[in-house]
Protein backbone atom coordinates (compact mmCIF):
# COMPACT_ATOMS: atom_id res chain seq x y z
CA MET A 1 91.12 15.62 210.03
CA PRO A 2 92.91 14.42 211.92
CA HIS A 3 95.91 16.69 212.32
CA ILE A 4 98.80 15.38 214.41
CA VAL A 5 101.49 17.64 215.88
CA ILE A 6 104.88 16.23 216.83
CA LYS A 7 106.59 18.45 219.41
CA THR A 8 110.21 17.46 219.88
CA LEU A 9 113.60 18.71 220.91
CA SER A 10 115.66 19.87 217.95
CA GLY A 11 118.05 17.28 216.63
CA PRO A 12 116.41 14.66 214.43
CA SER A 13 117.26 14.96 210.75
CA GLU A 14 114.72 16.03 208.15
CA THR A 15 114.70 12.43 206.89
CA GLN A 16 113.95 11.08 210.37
CA LEU A 17 111.15 13.57 210.92
CA LYS A 18 109.55 12.79 207.56
CA GLU A 19 109.76 9.06 208.25
CA ALA A 20 108.18 9.50 211.69
CA ALA A 21 105.36 11.57 210.18
CA LYS A 22 104.82 8.98 207.45
CA GLN A 23 104.65 6.12 209.95
CA ILE A 24 102.33 8.02 212.28
CA SER A 25 100.02 8.74 209.34
CA ALA A 26 99.99 5.05 208.44
CA VAL A 27 99.15 4.07 212.03
CA ILE A 28 96.27 6.55 212.16
CA ASN A 29 95.02 5.18 208.86
CA LYS A 30 95.20 1.59 210.08
CA THR A 31 93.93 1.98 213.65
CA LEU A 32 91.34 4.73 213.23
CA GLY A 33 90.35 3.98 209.65
CA LYS A 34 91.00 7.52 208.46
CA PRO A 35 92.04 7.77 204.79
CA GLU A 36 95.61 9.05 204.48
CA LYS A 37 94.45 11.86 202.19
CA TYR A 38 92.71 13.38 205.22
CA ILE A 39 95.64 13.06 207.63
CA SER A 40 98.13 15.86 208.18
CA VAL A 41 101.22 15.83 210.39
CA SER A 42 103.32 18.79 211.43
CA VAL A 43 106.56 19.01 213.40
CA GLU A 44 107.52 21.66 215.92
CA GLU A 45 111.11 21.59 217.11
CA TYR A 46 112.17 23.23 220.36
CA SER A 47 115.46 24.01 222.05
CA PHE A 48 116.26 22.36 225.37
CA ALA A 49 115.77 25.75 227.04
CA ASP A 50 112.24 26.03 225.62
CA TRP A 51 111.17 22.47 226.42
CA GLU A 52 110.05 23.25 229.98
CA GLY A 53 107.41 25.63 228.59
CA VAL A 54 106.19 23.00 226.11
CA TYR A 55 106.01 20.40 228.88
CA ASN A 56 104.13 22.73 231.23
CA GLU A 57 101.65 23.89 228.58
CA PHE A 58 100.93 20.67 226.72
CA VAL A 59 101.90 17.71 228.93
CA LYS A 60 101.91 18.39 232.67
CA ASP A 61 98.61 17.53 234.35
CA LYS A 62 96.77 17.26 231.00
CA GLU A 63 94.01 14.65 230.90
CA ASN A 64 94.29 14.27 227.11
CA VAL A 65 97.91 13.05 227.33
CA ILE A 66 97.27 9.32 227.02
CA ILE A 67 100.91 8.21 227.25
CA LYS A 68 102.66 10.10 230.02
CA PRO A 69 106.43 10.65 229.86
CA GLY A 70 108.65 8.83 232.32
CA TYR A 71 109.82 12.12 233.85
CA THR A 72 108.25 14.94 235.79
CA ASN A 73 111.13 17.42 235.63
CA PRO A 74 111.60 18.78 232.09
CA LYS A 75 114.93 20.35 233.05
CA THR A 76 116.58 17.04 233.95
CA PHE A 77 114.20 14.50 232.38
CA GLN A 78 113.94 12.70 235.72
């Protein structure tokens, strides 16, 4: 607790993903006061073809998405 899931298009290197997870963990520690030993971060990579499903299931019209993307069409990112 807490567990953070990064859903992203495939492409970033393993090093980049690990660094992102590390920095996200540090931010959660600092801003929410959760000890890092209790924080877990996972990464789920998706193909461009699969991204529309991710967007529709986890982003579109979801009240818990605090920062909305600057696009409404996951096929064109416009």
